[in-house]
Protein backbone atom coordinates (compact mmCIF):
# COMPACT_ATOMS: atom_id res chain seq x y z
CA MET A 1 0.00 0.00 0.00
CA ALA A 2 1.41 3.40 -1.03
CA PHE A 3 1.66 6.25 1.45
CA ILE A 4 3.19 9.71 1.80
CA ARG A 5 6.23 10.24 4.00
CA ARG A 6 8.17 13.37 4.96
CA VAL A 7 11.93 13.11 5.58
CA ARG A 8 14.25 15.75 6.99
CA THR A 9 17.26 16.33 4.72
CA ALA A 10 20.80 17.30 5.74
CA SER A 11 20.21 20.85 4.55
CA GLY A 12 17.25 21.23 6.88
CA ALA A 13 14.63 20.95 4.12
CA THR A 14 11.68 18.53 4.27
CA ALA A 15 11.59 15.96 1.49
CA VAL A 16 8.16 14.68 0.42
CA GLN A 17 8.10 11.17 -1.02
CA VAL A 18 5.59 8.57 -2.09
CA ALA A 19 6.59 5.18 -0.72
CA GLU A 20 5.21 1.67 -0.34
CA TYR A 21 5.92 -1.44 1.67
CA PHE A 22 7.59 -4.18 -0.35
CA ALA A 23 8.84 -7.44 1.19
CA GLY A 24 8.55 -5.91 4.63
CA ARG A 25 10.61 -2.86 3.75
CA GLN A 26 9.80 0.70 2.66
CA ARG A 27 10.51 1.44 -0.99
CA ILE A 28 10.43 4.96 -2.45
CA VAL A 29 8.11 5.10 -5.46
CA ALA A 30 8.51 8.82 -6.27
CA HIS A 31 10.42 11.75 -4.86
CA VAL A 32 7.98 14.67 -5.08
CA GLY A 33 10.41 17.36 -3.94
CA SER A 34 11.91 19.19 -0.97
CA ALA A 35 10.42 22.19 0.79
CA HIS A 36 12.07 24.95 2.77
CA THR A 37 8.87 26.74 3.79
CA ASP A 38 5.39 25.79 4.94
CA ALA A 39 3.99 27.08 1.67
CA GLU A 40 6.29 24.86 -0.37
CA LEU A 41 5.52 21.91 1.88
CA GLY A 42 1.79 22.40 1.36
CA VAL A 43 2.26 22.43 -2.42
CA LEU A 44 4.32 19.26 -2.36
CA MET A 45 1.93 17.45 -0.03
CA GLU A 46 -0.97 18.31 -2.34
CA ARG A 47 1.04 17.02 -5.30
CA ALA A 48 1.72 13.78 -3.44
CA ARG A 49 -1.96 13.36 -2.59
CA GLU A 50 -2.82 13.80 -6.27
CA LEU A 51 -0.38 11.03 -7.15
CA LEU A 52 -2.18 8.73 -4.72
CA ALA A 53 -5.75 9.78 -5.50
CA ASP A 54 -7.93 9.12 -8.52
CA PRO A 55 -7.42 12.18 -10.75
CA ALA A 56 -10.86 11.96 -12.38
CA GLN A 57 -13.11 14.90 -11.57
CA GLY A 58 -16.50 15.96 -12.81
CA MET A 59 -16.74 19.40 -14.36
CA LEU A 60 -20.15 20.98 -14.96
CA ASP A 61 -21.40 18.06 -17.07
CA LEU A 62 -19.13 18.99 -19.97
CA GLY A 63 -17.75 15.49 -20.19
CA VAL A 64 -14.10 16.51 -19.84
CA GLU A 65 -11.66 15.56 -17.11
CA PRO A 66 -8.99 17.95 -15.88
CA THR A 67 -5.60 17.21 -17.38
CA PRO A 68 -3.38 15.48 -14.80
CA PRO A 69 -0.42 17.57 -13.66
CA VAL A 70 2.68 16.99 -15.75
CA VAL A 71 6.17 16.86 -14.27
CA GLY A 72 8.94 17.83 -16.63
CA LEU A 73 12.65 17.71 -15.82
CA VAL A 74 13.96 21.12 -16.72
CA GLY A 75 16.75 23.30 -15.44
CA THR A 76 15.87 25.99 -12.92
CA PRO A 77 17.50 29.41 -13.38
CA SER A 78 19.83 30.49 -10.64
CA GLY A 79 18.74 33.17 -8.25
CA GLN A 80 15.05 32.29 -8.51
CA GLY A 81 12.58 33.94 -6.16
CA VAL A 82 10.42 32.40 -3.52
CA LEU A 83 6.72 31.72 -3.27
CA PRO A 84 4.55 34.65 -2.15
CA GLY A 85 4.61 34.99 1.63
CA SER A 86 7.88 33.10 2.01
CA GLN A 87 10.71 34.75 3.93
CA THR A 88 13.33 32.28 2.69
CA PRO A 89 15.92 33.99 0.48
CA ALA A 90 16.62 32.70 -3.00
CA VAL A 91 19.27 30.00 -3.24
CA ALA A 92 21.27 28.56 -6.06
CA VAL A 93 20.02 25.70 -8.19
CA GLY A 94 20.16 22.45 -6.33
CA ARG A 95 18.23 19.55 -4.95
CA ASP A 96 16.62 21.70 -2.28
CA ALA A 97 16.13 24.94 -4.25
CA ALA A 98 13.13 27.14 -3.36
CA GLY A 99 10.05 27.06 -5.58
CA ARG A 100 8.29 29.77 -7.56
CA VAL A 101 5.18 30.10 -9.70
CA VAL A 102 6.20 30.39 -13.34
CA GLY A 103 2.71 30.65 -14.80
CA THR A 104 -1.02 30.27 -14.33
CA GLY A 105 -3.80 29.83 -16.84
CA SER A 106 -7.40 28.80 -17.33
CA ARG A 107 -6.37 25.52 -18.92
CA LEU A 108 -9.44 23.76 -17.54
CA LEU A 109 -11.72 26.11 -19.50
CA PHE A 110 -9.72 25.62 -22.69
CA ASP A 111 -9.76 21.84 -22.31
CA ALA A 112 -13.50 21.85 -21.64
CA LEU A 113 -14.30 23.85 -24.78
CA ALA A 114 -11.75 21.89 -26.80
CA SER A 115 -13.52 18.68 -25.80
CA VAL A 116 -16.81 20.12 -27.09
CA PHE A 117 -15.05 21.20 -30.30
CA THR A 118 -13.80 17.64 -30.79
CA ALA A 119 -17.10 16.01 -29.80
CA LEU A 120 -18.85 18.02 -32.53
CA GLY A 121 -16.43 16.57 -35.08
CA PHE A 122 -14.78 19.91 -35.85
CA ASP A 123 -11.35 18.34 -35.46
CA ALA A 124 -11.91 17.10 -39.03
CA VAL A 125 -10.62 20.54 -40.04
CA ASP A 126 -7.25 19.43 -38.59
CA ASP A 127 -5.99 22.97 -37.99
CA GLU A 128 -4.73 23.72 -34.48
CA VAL A 129 -4.65 27.49 -35.00
CA PHE A 130 -8.23 27.50 -36.28
CA THR A 131 -9.26 25.58 -33.15
CA ASP A 132 -7.54 28.20 -31.01
CA LEU A 133 -9.31 31.03 -32.85
CA VAL A 134 -12.71 29.42 -32.33
CA ILE A 135 -12.20 28.75 -28.61
CA ALA A 136 -10.75 32.21 -28.02
CA ARG A 137 -13.85 33.75 -29.64
CA VAL A 138 -16.12 31.75 -27.34
CA VAL A 139 -14.17 32.83 -24.24
CA GLU A 140 -13.49 36.48 -25.04
CA PRO A 141 -14.28 37.80 -28.52
CA THR A 142 -11.75 40.40 -29.56
CA SER A 143 -9.69 41.49 -32.54
CA LEU A 144 -7.33 39.08 -34.25
CA LEU A 145 -4.38 41.11 -32.96
CA ASP A 146 -5.57 40.71 -29.35
CA THR A 147 -6.46 37.02 -29.62
CA GLY A 148 -2.93 36.01 -28.52
CA ARG A 149 -3.54 37.58 -25.11
CA VAL A 150 -6.73 35.54 -24.65
CA LEU A 151 -4.97 32.32 -25.60
CA ARG A 152 -2.07 32.99 -23.22
CA ASP A 153 -4.60 33.51 -20.43
CA LEU A 154 -5.95 30.05 -21.33
CA ASP A 155 -2.43 28.62 -20.86
CA ARG A 156 -2.12 28.22 -24.60
CA ALA A 157 0.94 29.26 -26.62
CA PRO A 158 -0.58 31.42 -29.40
CA ALA A 159 0.51 31.47 -32.99
CA SER A 160 1.87 34.71 -34.40
CA TYR A 161 -0.44 37.34 -35.83
CA ALA A 162 0.82 36.53 -39.34
CA THR A 163 0.04 32.84 -38.82
CA MET A 164 -3.48 33.67 -37.63
CA LYS A 165 -4.04 35.73 -40.80
CA ARG A 166 -2.79 32.85 -42.93
CA THR A 167 -5.18 30.55 -41.06
CA LEU A 168 -8.12 32.75 -42.05
CA THR A 169 -6.95 32.49 -45.66
CA ARG A 170 -6.74 28.69 -45.29
CA ALA A 171 -10.25 28.66 -43.85
CA THR A 172 -11.52 30.01 -47.17
CA THR A 173 -9.30 28.12 -49.60
CA GLY A 174 -9.59 24.91 -47.56
CA LYS A 175 -13.40 25.20 -47.42
CA TYR A 176 -13.45 24.91 -43.62
CA ARG A 177 -17.07 26.06 -43.52
CA ASP A 178 -18.14 23.08 -45.61
CA ARG A 179 -16.51 20.72 -43.12
CA ILE A 180 -17.93 22.56 -40.11
CA ALA A 181 -21.41 22.56 -41.67
CA ALA A 182 -21.14 18.84 -42.43
CA ALA A 183 -20.16 18.13 -38.81
CA CYS A 184 -23.02 20.32 -37.53
CA PHE A 185 -25.48 18.41 -39.70
CA THR A 186 -24.18 15.05 -38.46
CA HIS A 187 -24.41 16.17 -34.84
CA ALA A 188 -27.91 17.64 -35.24
CA ALA A 189 -29.14 14.56 -37.11
CA ALA A 190 -27.85 12.26 -34.37
CA SER A 191 -29.14 14.26 -31.42
CA GLY A 192 -32.20 16.06 -32.72
CA ASP A 193 -34.82 16.42 -35.41
CA LEU A 194 -33.98 18.00 -38.77
CA SER A 195 -37.52 17.78 -40.10
CA LEU A 196 -38.05 21.40 -39.01
CA CYS A 197 -35.48 24.17 -39.52
CA LEU A 198 -35.66 27.83 -38.52
CA TYR A 199 -34.35 30.73 -40.59
CA ASP A 200 -33.70 34.40 -39.90
CA VAL A 201 -31.43 37.20 -41.06
CA THR A 202 -29.47 39.97 -39.41
CA THR A 203 -27.01 42.66 -40.42
CA LEU A 204 -23.37 43.10 -39.35
CA TYR A 205 -21.83 46.53 -39.73
CA PHE A 206 -18.26 47.68 -40.35
CA GLU A 207 -16.11 50.47 -38.99
CA ALA A 208 -15.58 51.76 -42.53
CA GLU A 209 -16.49 54.87 -44.47
CA LYS A 210 -16.61 53.56 -48.03
CA GLU A 211 -18.72 50.85 -49.62
CA ASP A 212 -17.45 48.08 -51.88
CA ASP A 213 -19.01 45.16 -53.78
CA LEU A 214 -20.02 43.38 -50.56
CA ARG A 215 -20.11 45.98 -47.80
CA LYS A 216 -22.95 48.31 -48.66
CA VAL A 217 -25.26 50.66 -46.84
CA GLY A 218 -28.71 49.12 -46.61
CA TYR A 219 -31.66 48.66 -44.31
CA SER A 220 -30.31 48.22 -40.78
CA LYS A 221 -32.44 46.93 -37.92
CA GLU A 222 -30.27 49.10 -35.68
CA ARG A 223 -30.79 52.13 -37.94
CA ARG A 224 -27.09 52.52 -38.64
CA VAL A 225 -25.68 54.15 -41.77
CA ASP A 226 -22.40 52.20 -41.82
CA PRO A 227 -21.59 49.76 -44.60
CA GLN A 228 -22.91 46.33 -43.67
CA VAL A 229 -23.45 42.76 -44.84
CA VAL A 230 -26.61 40.69 -44.53
CA VAL A 231 -26.15 37.35 -42.78
CA GLY A 232 -28.64 34.49 -43.00
CA LEU A 233 -28.63 31.73 -40.39
CA LEU A 234 -30.38 28.36 -40.54
CA VAL A 235 -30.71 26.40 -37.29
CA ASP A 236 -32.51 23.28 -36.12
CA ARG A 237 -35.57 23.52 -33.90
CA HIS A 238 -33.31 23.72 -30.81
CA GLY A 239 -31.25 26.64 -32.14
CA PHE A 240 -28.16 24.62 -33.15
CA PRO A 241 -26.57 26.21 -36.28
CA LEU A 242 -26.71 24.34 -39.56
CA GLU A 243 -25.88 26.85 -42.30
CA ILE A 244 -24.71 30.44 -42.56
CA GLY A 245 -24.60 32.73 -45.57
CA CYS A 246 -23.27 36.21 -46.34
CA PHE A 247 -24.92 38.64 -48.75
CA GLU A 248 -24.46 42.22 -49.95
CA GLY A 249 -25.50 44.82 -47.40
CA ASN A 250 -28.28 46.24 -49.58
CA LYS A 251 -29.81 42.86 -50.44
CA ALA A 252 -33.46 42.43 -49.51
CA GLU A 253 -34.07 39.92 -46.71
CA THR A 254 -36.63 38.04 -48.77
CA THR A 255 -34.02 37.17 -51.41
CA THR A 256 -31.67 35.43 -48.94
CA LEU A 257 -33.91 32.56 -47.87
CA VAL A 258 -33.96 30.41 -50.99
CA PRO A 259 -30.15 30.46 -51.64
CA ILE A 260 -29.46 29.32 -48.06
CA ILE A 261 -32.05 26.54 -48.24
CA GLU A 262 -30.82 25.38 -51.65
CA ARG A 263 -27.22 25.27 -50.40
CA PHE A 264 -28.31 23.27 -47.36
CA GLN A 265 -30.28 20.82 -49.54
CA GLU A 266 -27.44 20.40 -52.01
CA ARG A 267 -24.85 19.92 -49.27
CA HIS A 268 -26.77 17.25 -47.37
CA GLY A 269 -29.22 15.83 -49.90
CA ILE A 270 -32.25 16.88 -47.84
CA ALA A 271 -35.62 16.57 -49.56
CA ASP A 272 -38.22 16.52 -46.78
CA MET A 273 -38.11 19.37 -44.30
CA VAL A 274 -40.20 22.24 -42.94
CA VAL A 275 -38.73 25.74 -43.10
CA VAL A 276 -39.97 28.27 -40.55
CA ALA A 277 -39.34 32.00 -41.03
CA ASP A 278 -40.81 35.26 -39.83
CA ALA A 279 -43.02 37.63 -41.78
CA GLY A 280 -39.98 39.32 -43.30
CA MET A 281 -39.61 36.29 -45.60
CA LEU A 282 -43.25 36.50 -46.73
CA SER A 283 -43.03 37.10 -50.45
CA ALA A 284 -44.90 35.38 -53.25
CA ALA A 285 -41.60 34.48 -54.97
CA ASN A 286 -40.14 32.91 -51.82
CA LEU A 287 -43.18 30.77 -51.07
CA ARG A 288 -43.49 29.67 -54.68
CA ALA A 289 -39.78 28.75 -54.82
CA LEU A 290 -40.02 26.72 -51.61
CA ASP A 291 -43.14 24.96 -52.83
CA ASP A 292 -41.56 24.22 -56.23
CA ALA A 293 -38.61 22.66 -54.38
CA GLN A 294 -41.15 20.42 -52.60
CA LEU A 295 -40.27 22.00 -49.28
CA ARG A 296 -42.90 22.69 -46.67
CA PHE A 297 -42.93 26.07 -45.00
CA ILE A 298 -44.47 28.02 -42.12
CA VAL A 299 -44.10 31.77 -42.45
CA GLY A 300 -45.50 34.54 -40.30
CA SER A 301 -48.21 36.62 -41.94
CA ARG A 302 -48.68 40.36 -41.73
CA VAL A 303 -51.70 41.58 -39.80
CA THR A 304 -52.63 43.78 -42.76
CA LYS A 305 -53.62 40.59 -44.60
CA ALA A 306 -56.21 39.68 -41.96
CA PRO A 307 -59.13 41.62 -43.56
CA VAL A 308 -58.78 39.54 -46.75
CA ASP A 309 -58.04 36.19 -45.10
CA LEU A 310 -60.77 36.65 -42.47
CA GLU A 311 -63.35 38.27 -44.73
CA SER A 312 -65.88 35.53 -44.01
CA HIS A 313 -65.38 35.84 -40.25
CA PHE A 314 -65.83 39.61 -40.32
CA HIS A 315 -68.93 39.18 -42.51
CA TRP A 316 -70.62 36.72 -40.16
CA HIS A 317 -69.20 37.66 -36.74
CA GLY A 318 -67.84 41.18 -37.03
CA ASP A 319 -64.59 41.83 -35.17
CA ALA A 320 -65.57 39.69 -32.17
CA PHE A 321 -63.06 37.01 -31.14
CA THR A 322 -62.66 34.80 -28.09
CA ASP A 323 -59.38 34.31 -26.26
CA GLY A 324 -57.45 31.44 -27.83
CA GLN A 325 -59.69 31.27 -30.90
CA VAL A 326 -58.03 29.77 -33.98
CA ILE A 327 -59.37 30.21 -37.52
CA ASP A 328 -58.04 27.85 -40.20
CA THR A 329 -58.71 29.36 -43.63
CA LEU A 330 -57.13 30.47 -46.95
CA THR A 331 -54.90 33.34 -48.05
CA PRO A 332 -54.30 34.44 -51.66
CA LYS A 333 -50.94 33.46 -53.15
CA THR A 334 -50.65 36.84 -54.84
CA SER A 335 -52.00 40.33 -54.23
CA ARG A 336 -54.37 39.85 -57.18
CA GLY A 337 -56.51 37.60 -55.02
CA SER A 338 -57.49 33.94 -55.16
CA LYS A 339 -59.99 33.55 -57.95
CA SER A 340 -61.07 30.13 -59.11
CA ALA A 341 -61.18 29.06 -62.73
CA GLY A 342 -64.83 30.08 -62.90
CA GLY A 343 -64.03 33.56 -61.66
CA GLY A 344 -65.32 33.13 -58.11
CA SER A 345 -63.31 33.50 -54.95
CA GLU A 346 -61.73 30.37 -53.44
CA ASN A 347 -62.84 31.70 -50.07
CA ASP A 348 -66.50 32.51 -50.60
CA VAL A 349 -67.67 35.11 -48.09
CA LYS A 350 -71.25 33.88 -48.49
CA ARG A 351 -70.33 30.59 -46.86
CA LYS A 352 -70.19 30.77 -43.08
CA ALA A 353 -67.85 27.78 -42.68
CA GLU A 354 -64.18 28.46 -43.43
CA PRO A 355 -62.80 26.35 -46.33
CA VAL A 356 -60.35 23.56 -45.55
CA TRP A 357 -57.23 24.22 -47.64
CA ASP A 358 -56.36 21.65 -50.26
CA PRO A 359 -53.60 22.27 -52.85
CA ALA A 360 -55.62 20.65 -55.63
CA ALA A 361 -58.91 22.36 -54.79
CA HIS A 362 -57.31 25.74 -54.04
CA PRO A 363 -54.42 26.20 -56.49
CA ARG A 364 -54.42 30.01 -56.07
CA SER A 365 -54.27 30.00 -52.27
CA TRP A 366 -52.11 28.94 -49.37
CA ARG A 367 -53.35 27.73 -46.05
CA ALA A 368 -53.66 30.50 -43.44
CA VAL A 369 -53.99 30.03 -39.69
CA TRP A 370 -55.06 32.98 -37.55
CA ALA A 371 -55.04 33.01 -33.75
CA TYR A 372 -56.48 35.54 -31.31
CA SER A 373 -54.97 36.26 -27.89
CA ALA A 374 -56.55 38.56 -25.32
CA LYS A 375 -53.10 39.24 -23.86
CA ARG A 376 -51.76 40.23 -27.28
CA ALA A 377 -54.86 42.38 -27.83
CA ALA A 378 -54.22 44.33 -24.63
CA ARG A 379 -50.61 44.90 -25.67
CA ASP A 380 -51.67 45.97 -29.18
CA ARG A 381 -54.27 48.41 -27.81
CA LYS A 382 -51.65 50.03 -25.60
CA THR A 383 -49.31 50.42 -28.57
CA LEU A 384 -52.07 51.87 -30.76
CA ALA A 385 -53.03 54.34 -28.04
CA LEU A 386 -49.45 55.62 -27.88
CA GLN A 387 -49.29 55.85 -31.68
CA GLU A 388 -52.59 57.75 -31.80
CA THR A 389 -51.38 60.18 -29.12
CA ARG A 390 -48.17 60.80 -31.05
CA ALA A 391 -50.11 61.33 -34.28
CA ARG A 392 -52.39 63.90 -32.65
CA GLU A 393 -49.38 65.72 -31.16
CA VAL A 394 -47.71 65.93 -34.58
CA ILE A 395 -50.94 67.22 -36.17
CA ALA A 396 -51.29 69.84 -33.42
CA GLY A 397 -47.69 70.93 -33.91
CA GLU A 398 -46.76 69.87 -30.39
CA ARG A 399 -44.16 67.39 -31.60
CA ALA A 400 -41.66 67.78 -34.41
CA ALA A 401 -41.21 64.45 -36.16
CA ARG A 402 -41.43 62.72 -39.47
CA THR A 403 -44.94 61.78 -40.44
CA PRO A 404 -45.88 58.97 -38.02
CA ARG A 405 -48.47 56.26 -38.40
CA PHE A 406 -52.14 57.35 -38.66
CA VAL A 407 -51.25 60.79 -40.02
CA LYS A 408 -52.24 61.62 -43.60
CA THR A 409 -51.23 64.72 -45.50
CA ALA A 410 -53.43 66.40 -48.11
CA ASN A 411 -52.66 69.80 -49.68
CA GLY A 412 -50.02 70.39 -47.02
CA THR A 413 -52.46 69.78 -44.15
CA ARG A 414 -52.01 66.92 -41.71
CA THR A 415 -55.04 65.10 -40.36
CA LEU A 416 -55.69 61.93 -38.38
CA ASP A 417 -56.35 58.88 -40.56
CA GLU A 418 -59.46 57.71 -38.76
CA THR A 419 -60.09 54.87 -41.21
CA SER A 420 -56.64 53.32 -40.78
CA LEU A 421 -56.84 53.69 -37.00
CA ALA A 422 -60.25 51.99 -36.87
CA ARG A 423 -59.04 49.16 -39.08
CA ALA A 424 -55.96 48.63 -36.88
CA GLN A 425 -58.13 48.63 -33.75
CA SER A 426 -60.35 45.92 -35.25
CA LEU A 427 -57.31 43.66 -35.81
CA VAL A 428 -55.73 43.81 -32.34
CA GLY A 429 -54.80 40.46 -30.82
CA LEU A 430 -54.50 38.64 -34.16
CA LYS A 431 -51.43 36.74 -35.35
CA GLY A 432 -51.35 34.94 -38.70
CA TYR A 433 -49.31 32.09 -40.17
CA VAL A 434 -49.05 30.96 -43.82
CA THR A 435 -48.16 27.39 -44.74
CA ASN A 436 -48.40 24.80 -47.50
CA ILE A 437 -48.92 21.95 -45.01
CA GLY A 438 -52.42 20.54 -45.00
CA ALA A 439 -54.51 20.21 -41.83
CA GLN A 440 -54.44 16.43 -42.16
CA LEU A 441 -50.62 16.49 -41.75
CA MET A 442 -50.28 19.29 -39.21
CA PRO A 443 -53.10 20.70 -37.08
CA ALA A 444 -53.33 24.45 -36.56
CA SER A 445 -51.99 24.23 -33.00
CA GLU A 446 -48.80 22.56 -34.23
CA VAL A 447 -48.36 25.16 -36.97
CA ILE A 448 -48.48 27.88 -34.32
CA ALA A 449 -46.17 26.01 -31.94
CA SER A 450 -43.61 25.40 -34.72
CA TYR A 451 -43.55 29.09 -35.60
CA HIS A 452 -43.04 30.04 -31.97
CA ASP A 453 -39.77 28.05 -32.01
CA LEU A 454 -38.32 30.97 -34.01
CA TRP A 455 -37.12 32.53 -30.77
CA ARG A 456 -34.34 29.95 -30.83
CA VAL A 457 -32.79 31.31 -34.03
CA GLU A 458 -33.21 34.82 -32.66
CA GLN A 459 -31.40 33.66 -29.52
CA SER A 460 -28.56 32.28 -31.66
CA PHE A 461 -28.28 35.63 -33.42
CA ARG A 462 -28.19 37.41 -30.08
CA MET A 463 -25.39 35.07 -29.00
CA SER A 464 -23.42 35.76 -32.18
CA LYS A 465 -23.82 39.51 -31.72
CA THR A 466 -23.29 39.77 -27.97
CA ASP A 467 -21.48 36.74 -26.54
CA LEU A 468 -19.43 36.14 -29.69
CA ARG A 469 -19.41 39.78 -30.87
CA ALA A 470 -19.54 39.04 -34.57
CA ARG A 471 -19.80 42.79 -35.13
CA PRO A 472 -18.42 45.27 -35.78
CA MET A 473 -16.05 43.65 -38.26
CA PHE A 474 -12.58 44.95 -38.97
CA HIS A 475 -11.92 42.78 -42.05
CA HIS A 476 -11.95 44.33 -45.50
CA THR A 477 -11.91 41.65 -48.21
CA ARG A 478 -14.72 39.23 -48.98
CA ASP A 479 -12.53 36.20 -48.22
CA ALA A 480 -11.52 37.60 -44.81
CA ILE A 481 -15.15 38.41 -43.99
CA GLU A 482 -16.27 34.91 -45.00
CA ALA A 483 -13.45 33.38 -42.91
CA HIS A 484 -14.50 35.50 -39.91
CA LEU A 485 -18.07 34.23 -40.27
CA THR A 486 -16.76 30.66 -40.43
CA VAL A 487 -15.01 31.18 -37.07
CA VAL A 488 -18.19 32.75 -35.63
CA PHE A 489 -20.29 29.88 -37.05
CA ALA A 490 -18.06 27.25 -35.39
CA ALA A 491 -17.91 29.24 -32.14
CA LEU A 492 -21.70 29.52 -32.09
CA ALA A 493 -22.01 25.73 -32.44
CA VAL A 494 -19.50 25.15 -29.61
CA ALA A 495 -21.30 27.67 -27.39
CA ARG A 496 -24.75 26.16 -28.08
CA GLU A 497 -23.52 22.64 -27.36
CA ALA A 498 -21.77 23.75 -24.15
CA GLN A 499 -25.03 25.37 -23.05
CA ASN A 500 -27.02 22.26 -23.89
CA ARG A 501 -24.67 20.07 -21.85
CA THR A 502 -24.57 22.25 -18.77
CA GLY A 503 -27.88 24.11 -18.77
CA LEU A 504 -25.92 27.34 -18.24
CA ALA A 505 -25.71 30.37 -20.50
CA ILE A 506 -22.32 30.49 -22.19
CA GLY A 507 -21.40 33.73 -20.41
CA ASN A 508 -22.26 32.22 -17.03
CA LEU A 509 -20.32 29.06 -17.87
CA ILE A 510 -17.18 31.04 -18.73
CA ARG A 511 -17.50 33.16 -15.59
CA GLN A 512 -17.55 29.99 -13.50
CA LEU A 513 -14.67 28.18 -15.23
CA ARG A 514 -12.24 30.95 -16.09
CA PRO A 515 -11.19 31.65 -12.47
CA LEU A 516 -10.28 27.95 -12.02
CA ARG A 517 -6.64 28.35 -12.94
CA SER A 518 -3.88 25.78 -13.14
CA ALA A 519 -0.52 26.78 -11.66
CA THR A 520 2.89 25.74 -12.94
CA ILE A 521 5.55 25.78 -10.22
CA ALA A 522 9.30 25.38 -10.66
CA ILE A 523 10.86 23.69 -7.65
CA ASN A 524 13.95 21.57 -7.06
CA GLY A 525 14.96 21.40 -10.70
CA THR A 526 11.51 20.35 -11.92
CA THR A 527 8.30 22.04 -13.04
CA GLN A 528 5.03 20.80 -11.68
CA THR A 529 1.59 21.80 -12.95
CA PHE A 530 -1.24 21.64 -10.44
CA ALA A 531 -4.84 21.45 -11.63
CA PRO A 532 -7.35 23.72 -9.87
CA ALA A 533 -9.75 22.43 -7.27
CA VAL A 534 -13.10 21.94 -9.02
CA PRO A 535 -16.05 22.89 -6.79
CA HIS A 536 -18.69 20.34 -5.97
CA PRO A 537 -21.71 20.26 -8.30
CA SER A 538 -23.78 23.42 -8.03
CA LYS A 539 -27.35 23.65 -6.81
CA ARG A 540 -28.36 23.52 -10.44
CA SER A 541 -26.80 20.09 -10.82
CA SER A 542 -28.31 18.95 -7.53
CA THR A 543 -31.72 20.06 -8.71
CA HIS A 544 -31.25 18.16 -11.95
CA SER A 545 -30.21 15.07 -10.01
CA LYS A 546 -33.32 15.25 -7.85
CA ALA A 547 -35.44 15.68 -10.93
CA GLY A 548 -33.74 12.69 -12.50
CA LYS A 549 -34.45 10.56 -9.44
CA VAL A 550 -38.08 11.53 -9.56
CA THR A 551 -38.25 10.76 -13.26
CA HIS A 552 -36.66 7.36 -12.83
């Protein structure tokens, strides 16, 4: 049986050894080192205990074990200092030389994220510097020039700035994004459901004054006037990224959907899937293209379409709705309306019952699902009241502003648009959805629930903009911008997977792991790296365990 023993040396130091009994005698298994101070002795005793104990430790459910301390035989410079708090003067190199900390780093955090990177299959890229760039962006997004500092803090020897730039070039020429996207697809297919995918777009701006072929001034959700690019992101129903695309900054959102979907289909040979997008993607060309590609879709409708879609309801019931009421009906494919071959409407207002959509029976219409919520109605009424007040203030000259909603101008005179206001008030509480999925395949409630999953892609965009700080960009060429998005794409996947494993937001996870620092100590002619003490599972984990016990 092995045990720890302390032996006084001739120089007055205390040697720490791991020994065992063999054939009735003590046999030294390992000489850990010699200490001149209590601090050094504590370090060596802890090192000896680690040699005796099982090094496996749990770490926030990430599935990675702390790297065991490594002892390397290296020379120790003469005249080295002493550990903080020690009063022992520095001595020359020797068997009983004093120890000193030569470095600390958040190696545990790096190893944890690297294990997620590998588990996702991203190691197929086989580029160590690219891996470093991705992990550094997850931990602390910064400029390429400052990335070396982040990596050093993670106890990682960074590549030079020039090498990092060459890696971004390799990411484009080596088609790293294709490999990352393939690995994302494999992971999502194995752990989730790819029958429903969510799509949304955002804009990323640049600290630049001039436009070029890609970076152009266009519509910005943040109302910026800087050159920008439009980025489209496709995720699975849990928010895990599957495809990313970059478009010119002045490109309309509606024209980005089909290219991304076609690329995804071509890359993975997908034929049967449901694409969910918000009302910004609602264009006749988009829906027709998706339908022609035999893809099913669920797209948010604009409330302005409600009077046409719900014409029968308004005819028979007025603008009265009950909380939670769902109306399954038709919506015209084009603004020209949905006329049948005989000239009549496919949604006959004279019939009280709403038609059940059928692609063969209603070739000029899509299926429309409308839902009414009393809570949404109250929120809409509050918004309309504020808009009406603002309109009246502008008309009265009490507020200087561009022409707001519900203000019409005729012959230079501003008046309140009573008709538009009344129409908007009659539509409060309504939310519409357009789809080409029949009721026999997907009931209205499931259509609505599928659309509501869109918050997950919005969450992924928020992560890319805040946690991963994809913007502003400081790259100038298209290849560099595409390579930057590839790094962000991979980092987003690592961050989402880390969150899924731990149940913690990526920012919270990093705040918990980054302070757990390994320390490398030079003592007695050797360097010893000590892993940090990992706290016991948090209350969150305990709660999960209790829930698991109940479930089982």
